[in-house]
Amino acid sequence: MIRRFAIVLALAVGLLACGAHAATQTASAKKVAKPQLQKSSGRISDDMLESWNSLAKKLIEMAEDFPEDKYDFRPSPEVRSFRQLMLHIAGVNYMFINAVKGVELGKAEDDPALENYRSKRAVVDFLTKSFADGASVIREKSERGMKQQVKHPFADALVTTHSLWVAGVEHGAEHYGNLVVYYRLNKMVPPSSRPRR
């Protein structure tokens, strides 16, 4: 009987010790600072602007970083060169921008003429301006503008400007993926994949 009592007592003490340890662990966990999540404003236009600018940063960084003597590199003869892809992205940006604005804000061609952009600087400037103009329109139209109905530049359809901006970001992001391959084939690491100091 005494032996059974001693076992029960030992188990009870053990359970109390486990409970005290768990409580200490919980209290310690509460003291550890949780990472602060960036809060969204809840406005679709703000989120859209952030996505647009994030893509712009990656692509402009690539355009500035890629060596000028490799600007006409293409992985195979039937695809666009690095220069052509950057010009294509900027040109299509303007097709979306002009559709949202309802006016021609910039030169809107699917594939802008190469002779107008012979230097790396000319390509970088055109790409940068296209993203800056897009950001300006997103800010100008603001939240109410996201629901505005406009004609799609590539289809016989009316769509919201929000869906056009999503398509614009998607288009640029698809080509960002292409450009990563151009980097890797030249044994280079894209700027956004490099270790941050």
C-alpha atoms as a PDB file:
ATOM      1  CA  MET A   1       0.000   0.000   0.000  1.00  0.00           C
ATOM      2  CA  ILE A   2       2.787   2.392   0.918  1.00  0.00           C
ATOM      3  CA  ARG A   3       4.572   1.425  -2.258  1.00  0.00           C
ATOM      4  CA  ARG A   4       1.449   2.141  -4.366  1.00  0.00           C
ATOM      5  CA  PHE A   5       1.016   5.483  -2.564  1.00  0.00           C
ATOM      6  CA  ALA A   6       4.659   6.383  -3.308  1.00  0.00           C
ATOM      7  CA  ILE A   7       4.173   5.594  -7.029  1.00  0.00           C
ATOM      8  CA  VAL A   8       0.975   7.681  -7.210  1.00  0.00           C
ATOM      9  CA  LEU A   9       2.696  10.513  -5.352  1.00  0.00           C
ATOM     10  CA  ALA A  10       5.697  10.347  -7.716  1.00  0.00           C
ATOM     11  CA  LEU A  11       3.382  10.473 -10.740  1.00  0.00           C
ATOM     12  CA  ALA A  12       1.478  13.425  -9.287  1.00  0.00           C
ATOM     13  CA  VAL A  13       4.712  15.328  -8.596  1.00  0.00           C
ATOM     14  CA  GLY A  14       5.891  14.519 -12.128  1.00  0.00           C
ATOM     15  CA  LEU A  15       2.665  15.788 -13.692  1.00  0.00           C
ATOM     16  CA  LEU A  16       2.841  18.979 -11.630  1.00  0.00           C
ATOM     17  CA  ALA A  17       6.447  19.492 -12.729  1.00  0.00           C
ATOM     18  CA  CYS A  18       5.458  19.001 -16.392  1.00  0.00           C
ATOM     19  CA  GLY A  19       2.599  21.469 -15.983  1.00  0.00           C
ATOM     20  CA  ALA A  20       4.900  24.039 -14.367  1.00  0.00           C
ATOM     21  CA  HIS A  21       7.466  23.557 -17.138  1.00  0.00           C
ATOM     22  CA  ALA A  22       4.780  23.989 -19.837  1.00  0.00           C
ATOM     23  CA  ALA A  23       3.506  27.143 -18.126  1.00  0.00           C
ATOM     24  CA  THR A  24       7.064  28.525 -18.019  1.00  0.00           C
ATOM     25  CA  GLN A  25       7.530  27.702 -21.719  1.00  0.00           C
ATOM     26  CA  THR A  26       4.236  29.418 -22.600  1.00  0.00           C
ATOM     27  CA  ALA A  27       5.195  32.509 -20.607  1.00  0.00           C
ATOM     28  CA  SER A  28       8.599  32.565 -22.321  1.00  0.00           C
ATOM     29  CA  ALA A  29       6.993  32.218 -25.737  1.00  0.00           C
ATOM     30  CA  LYS A  30       4.768  35.207 -24.977  1.00  0.00           C
ATOM     31  CA  LYS A  31       7.829  37.295 -24.124  1.00  0.00           C
ATOM     32  CA  VAL A  32       9.452  36.573 -27.538  1.00  0.00           C
ATOM     33  CA  ALA A  33       8.627  39.392 -29.922  1.00  0.00           C
ATOM     34  CA  LYS A  34       6.521  38.240 -32.837  1.00  0.00           C
ATOM     35  CA  PRO A  35       7.514  39.521 -36.271  1.00  0.00           C
ATOM     36  CA  GLN A  36       5.432  42.494 -37.313  1.00  0.00           C
ATOM     37  CA  LEU A  37       3.437  41.903 -40.466  1.00  0.00           C
ATOM     38  CA  GLN A  38       3.216  44.784 -42.869  1.00  0.00           C
ATOM     39  CA  LYS A  39      -0.370  45.971 -42.802  1.00  0.00           C
ATOM     40  CA  SER A  40      -2.218  46.622 -46.009  1.00  0.00           C
ATOM     41  CA  SER A  41      -4.263  49.792 -46.246  1.00  0.00           C
ATOM     42  CA  GLY A  42      -7.110  47.612 -47.483  1.00  0.00           C
ATOM     43  CA  ARG A  43      -7.228  49.639 -50.687  1.00  0.00           C
ATOM     44  CA  ILE A  44      -6.958  47.638 -53.907  1.00  0.00           C
ATOM     45  CA  SER A  45      -5.253  50.572 -55.647  1.00  0.00           C
ATOM     46  CA  ASP A  46      -2.483  50.624 -52.999  1.00  0.00           C
ATOM     47  CA  ASP A  47      -1.929  46.879 -53.364  1.00  0.00           C
ATOM     48  CA  MET A  48      -1.891  47.219 -57.154  1.00  0.00           C
ATOM     49  CA  LEU A  49       0.626  50.044 -56.991  1.00  0.00           C
ATOM     50  CA  GLU A  50       2.861  47.963 -54.726  1.00  0.00           C
ATOM     51  CA  SER A  51       2.756  45.008 -57.165  1.00  0.00           C
ATOM     52  CA  TRP A  52       3.417  47.278 -60.149  1.00  0.00           C
ATOM     53  CA  ASN A  53       6.367  48.997 -58.436  1.00  0.00           C
ATOM     54  CA  SER A  54       7.824  45.708 -57.196  1.00  0.00           C
ATOM     55  CA  LEU A  55       7.857  44.328 -60.735  1.00  0.00           C
ATOM     56  CA  ALA A  56       9.282  47.607 -62.041  1.00  0.00           C
ATOM     57  CA  LYS A  57      12.168  47.438 -59.559  1.00  0.00           C
ATOM     58  CA  LYS A  58      13.142  43.907 -60.643  1.00  0.00           C
ATOM     59  CA  LEU A  59      12.956  44.606 -64.365  1.00  0.00           C
ATOM     60  CA  ILE A  60      14.680  48.000 -64.273  1.00  0.00           C
ATOM     61  CA  GLU A  61      17.428  46.494 -62.114  1.00  0.00           C
ATOM     62  CA  MET A  62      17.926  43.815 -64.779  1.00  0.00           C
ATOM     63  CA  ALA A  63      17.941  46.346 -67.624  1.00  0.00           C
ATOM     64  CA  GLU A  64      20.600  48.409 -65.832  1.00  0.00           C
ATOM     65  CA  ASP A  65      22.654  45.375 -64.792  1.00  0.00           C
ATOM     66  CA  PHE A  66      22.765  43.254 -67.968  1.00  0.00           C
ATOM     67  CA  PRO A  67      25.940  43.997 -69.969  1.00  0.00           C
ATOM     68  CA  GLU A  68      25.311  46.202 -73.000  1.00  0.00           C
ATOM     69  CA  ASP A  69      27.379  43.903 -75.232  1.00  0.00           C
ATOM     70  CA  LYS A  70      24.885  41.120 -74.438  1.00  0.00           C
ATOM     71  CA  TYR A  71      21.726  43.161 -75.059  1.00  0.00           C
ATOM     72  CA  ASP A  72      21.160  41.397 -78.392  1.00  0.00           C
ATOM     73  CA  PHE A  73      21.616  37.923 -76.894  1.00  0.00           C
ATOM     74  CA  ARG A  74      18.782  35.496 -77.600  1.00  0.00           C
ATOM     75  CA  PRO A  75      18.655  31.855 -76.466  1.00  0.00           C
ATOM     76  CA  SER A  76      17.515  30.732 -79.928  1.00  0.00           C
ATOM     77  CA  PRO A  77      16.901  32.516 -83.250  1.00  0.00           C
ATOM     78  CA  GLU A  78      13.098  32.485 -83.044  1.00  0.00           C
ATOM     79  CA  VAL A  79      12.780  34.326 -79.699  1.00  0.00           C
ATOM     80  CA  ARG A  80      13.258  37.983 -78.785  1.00  0.00           C
ATOM     81  CA  SER A  81      16.653  39.280 -77.734  1.00  0.00           C
ATOM     82  CA  PHE A  82      17.173  40.757 -74.258  1.00  0.00           C
ATOM     83  CA  ARG A  83      16.793  44.245 -75.780  1.00  0.00           C
ATOM     84  CA  GLN A  84      13.596  43.264 -77.634  1.00  0.00           C
ATOM     85  CA  LEU A  85      12.061  41.746 -74.499  1.00  0.00           C
ATOM     86  CA  MET A  86      12.688  44.892 -72.465  1.00  0.00           C
ATOM     87  CA  LEU A  87      11.213  47.056 -75.240  1.00  0.00           C
ATOM     88  CA  HIS A  88       8.266  44.673 -75.577  1.00  0.00           C
ATOM     89  CA  ILE A  89       7.494  44.933 -71.845  1.00  0.00           C
ATOM     90  CA  ALA A  90       7.605  48.744 -71.978  1.00  0.00           C
ATOM     91  CA  GLY A  91       5.508  48.874 -75.154  1.00  0.00           C
ATOM     92  CA  VAL A  92       2.812  46.615 -73.722  1.00  0.00           C
ATOM     93  CA  ASN A  93       2.863  48.636 -70.477  1.00  0.00           C
ATOM     94  CA  TYR A  94       1.787  51.612 -72.599  1.00  0.00           C
ATOM     95  CA  MET A  95      -0.953  49.594 -74.263  1.00  0.00           C
ATOM     96  CA  PHE A  96      -2.448  48.940 -70.819  1.00  0.00           C
ATOM     97  CA  ILE A  97      -1.805  52.502 -69.598  1.00  0.00           C
ATOM     98  CA  ASN A  98      -3.412  54.066 -72.666  1.00  0.00           C
ATOM     99  CA  ALA A  99      -6.454  51.790 -72.343  1.00  0.00           C
ATOM    100  CA  VAL A 100      -6.916  52.873 -68.719  1.00  0.00           C
ATOM    101  CA  LYS A 101      -6.392  56.551 -69.511  1.00  0.00           C
ATOM    102  CA  GLY A 102      -8.483  56.495 -72.659  1.00  0.00           C
ATOM    103  CA  VAL A 103      -5.791  58.644 -74.297  1.00  0.00           C
ATOM    104  CA  GLU A 104      -2.360  57.989 -75.742  1.00  0.00           C
ATOM    105  CA  LEU A 105       0.097  58.673 -72.942  1.00  0.00           C
ATOM    106  CA  GLY A 106       3.102  57.031 -74.572  1.00  0.00           C
ATOM    107  CA  LYS A 107       4.145  55.109 -77.638  1.00  0.00           C
ATOM    108  CA  ALA A 108       2.123  51.895 -77.529  1.00  0.00           C
ATOM    109  CA  GLU A 109       3.557  49.190 -79.756  1.00  0.00           C
ATOM    110  CA  ASP A 110       3.807  45.514 -78.979  1.00  0.00           C
ATOM    111  CA  ASP A 111       7.373  45.512 -80.284  1.00  0.00           C
ATOM    112  CA  PRO A 112       8.859  49.038 -80.505  1.00  0.00           C
ATOM    113  CA  ALA A 113      11.325  49.630 -83.350  1.00  0.00           C
ATOM    114  CA  LEU A 114      14.880  48.683 -82.403  1.00  0.00           C
ATOM    115  CA  GLU A 115      16.410  51.570 -84.340  1.00  0.00           C
ATOM    116  CA  ASN A 116      14.845  53.978 -81.848  1.00  0.00           C
ATOM    117  CA  TYR A 117      16.555  52.247 -78.906  1.00  0.00           C
ATOM    118  CA  ARG A 118      20.097  51.447 -80.027  1.00  0.00           C
ATOM    119  CA  SER A 119      21.785  52.122 -76.675  1.00  0.00           C
ATOM    120  CA  LYS A 120      21.311  50.394 -73.360  1.00  0.00           C
ATOM    121  CA  ARG A 121      20.525  53.804 -71.792  1.00  0.00           C
ATOM    122  CA  ALA A 122      17.677  54.380 -74.265  1.00  0.00           C
ATOM    123  CA  VAL A 123      16.143  50.992 -73.380  1.00  0.00           C
ATOM    124  CA  VAL A 124      16.526  51.557 -69.621  1.00  0.00           C
ATOM    125  CA  ASP A 125      14.981  55.033 -69.882  1.00  0.00           C
ATOM    126  CA  PHE A 126      12.008  53.823 -71.947  1.00  0.00           C
ATOM    127  CA  LEU A 127      11.324  50.905 -69.584  1.00  0.00           C
ATOM    128  CA  THR A 128      11.690  53.144 -66.508  1.00  0.00           C
ATOM    129  CA  LYS A 129       9.360  55.777 -67.963  1.00  0.00           C
ATOM    130  CA  SER A 130       6.713  53.183 -68.828  1.00  0.00           C
ATOM    131  CA  PHE A 131       6.609  51.945 -65.233  1.00  0.00           C
ATOM    132  CA  ALA A 132       6.690  55.489 -63.808  1.00  0.00           C
ATOM    133  CA  ASP A 133       3.795  56.499 -66.070  1.00  0.00           C
ATOM    134  CA  GLY A 134       1.847  53.404 -65.040  1.00  0.00           C
ATOM    135  CA  ALA A 135       2.403  54.143 -61.338  1.00  0.00           C
ATOM    136  CA  SER A 136       1.258  57.718 -61.905  1.00  0.00           C
ATOM    137  CA  VAL A 137      -1.994  56.541 -63.541  1.00  0.00           C
ATOM    138  CA  ILE A 138      -2.682  54.037 -60.733  1.00  0.00           C
ATOM    139  CA  ARG A 139      -2.244  56.832 -58.163  1.00  0.00           C
ATOM    140  CA  GLU A 140      -4.314  59.297 -60.195  1.00  0.00           C
ATOM    141  CA  LYS A 141      -7.231  56.895 -60.742  1.00  0.00           C
ATOM    142  CA  SER A 142      -7.010  55.702 -57.142  1.00  0.00           C
ATOM    143  CA  GLU A 143      -9.532  53.328 -55.588  1.00  0.00           C
ATOM    144  CA  ARG A 144     -12.589  54.363 -57.580  1.00  0.00           C
ATOM    145  CA  GLY A 145     -10.622  54.006 -60.782  1.00  0.00           C
ATOM    146  CA  MET A 146     -10.055  50.296 -60.166  1.00  0.00           C
ATOM    147  CA  LYS A 147     -13.726  49.626 -60.987  1.00  0.00           C
ATOM    148  CA  GLN A 148     -13.826  51.775 -64.116  1.00  0.00           C
ATOM    149  CA  GLN A 149     -14.875  49.869 -67.261  1.00  0.00           C
ATOM    150  CA  VAL A 150     -12.492  50.215 -70.213  1.00  0.00           C
ATOM    151  CA  LYS A 151     -11.934  48.446 -73.506  1.00  0.00           C
ATOM    152  CA  HIS A 152      -9.307  45.713 -73.314  1.00  0.00           C
ATOM    153  CA  PRO A 153      -6.400  46.553 -75.653  1.00  0.00           C
ATOM    154  CA  PHE A 154      -6.100  42.955 -76.917  1.00  0.00           C
ATOM    155  CA  ALA A 155      -9.729  41.793 -76.922  1.00  0.00           C
ATOM    156  CA  ASP A 156     -13.160  42.937 -77.938  1.00  0.00           C
ATOM    157  CA  ALA A 157     -14.326  43.267 -74.356  1.00  0.00           C
ATOM    158  CA  LEU A 158     -14.998  45.764 -71.593  1.00  0.00           C
ATOM    159  CA  VAL A 159     -13.081  45.021 -68.405  1.00  0.00           C
ATOM    160  CA  THR A 160     -12.282  46.793 -65.149  1.00  0.00           C
ATOM    161  CA  THR A 161      -9.065  48.730 -64.924  1.00  0.00           C
ATOM    162  CA  HIS A 162      -8.155  46.495 -61.984  1.00  0.00           C
ATOM    163  CA  SER A 163      -8.172  43.454 -64.258  1.00  0.00           C
ATOM    164  CA  LEU A 164      -6.026  45.336 -66.792  1.00  0.00           C
ATOM    165  CA  TRP A 165      -3.435  46.206 -64.143  1.00  0.00           C
ATOM    166  CA  VAL A 166      -3.396  42.571 -63.002  1.00  0.00           C
ATOM    167  CA  ALA A 167      -2.834  41.522 -66.640  1.00  0.00           C
ATOM    168  CA  GLY A 168      -0.050  44.108 -66.953  1.00  0.00           C
ATOM    169  CA  VAL A 169       1.763  42.814 -63.883  1.00  0.00           C
ATOM    170  CA  GLU A 170       1.240  39.224 -65.022  1.00  0.00           C
ATOM    171  CA  HIS A 171       2.632  40.045 -68.473  1.00  0.00           C
ATOM    172  CA  GLY A 172       5.756  41.675 -67.049  1.00  0.00           C
ATOM    173  CA  ALA A 173       6.255  38.868 -64.525  1.00  0.00           C
ATOM    174  CA  GLU A 174       6.082  36.222 -67.264  1.00  0.00           C
ATOM    175  CA  HIS A 175       8.838  38.019 -69.143  1.00  0.00           C
ATOM    176  CA  TYR A 176      10.820  38.471 -65.936  1.00  0.00           C
ATOM    177  CA  GLY A 177      10.914  34.656 -65.848  1.00  0.00           C
ATOM    178  CA  ASN A 178      12.185  34.613 -69.447  1.00  0.00           C
ATOM    179  CA  LEU A 179      14.897  37.122 -68.591  1.00  0.00           C
ATOM    180  CA  VAL A 180      16.099  35.028 -65.647  1.00  0.00           C
ATOM    181  CA  VAL A 181      16.864  32.301 -68.198  1.00  0.00           C
ATOM    182  CA  TYR A 182      18.827  34.813 -70.327  1.00  0.00           C
ATOM    183  CA  TYR A 183      20.899  35.587 -67.232  1.00  0.00           C
ATOM    184  CA  ARG A 184      21.501  31.941 -66.375  1.00  0.00           C
ATOM    185  CA  LEU A 185      22.481  31.028 -69.947  1.00  0.00           C
ATOM    186  CA  ASN A 186      25.134  33.748 -69.700  1.00  0.00           C
ATOM    187  CA  LYS A 187      26.315  32.287 -66.375  1.00  0.00           C
ATOM    188  CA  MET A 188      25.029  35.326 -64.498  1.00  0.00           C
ATOM    189  CA  VAL A 189      22.831  35.625 -61.419  1.00  0.00           C
ATOM    190  CA  PRO A 190      19.827  37.971 -61.738  1.00  0.00           C
ATOM    191  CA  PRO A 191      20.038  40.956 -59.351  1.00  0.00           C
ATOM    192  CA  SER A 192      17.012  39.920 -57.275  1.00  0.00           C
ATOM    193  CA  SER A 193      18.516  36.437 -56.714  1.00  0.00           C
ATOM    194  CA  ARG A 194      21.827  37.717 -55.395  1.00  0.00           C
ATOM    195  CA  PRO A 195      22.496  37.520 -51.655  1.00  0.00           C
ATOM    196  CA  ARG A 196      21.538  40.706 -49.823  1.00  0.00           C
ATOM    197  CA  ARG A 197      24.183  42.182 -47.530  1.00  0.00           C
END
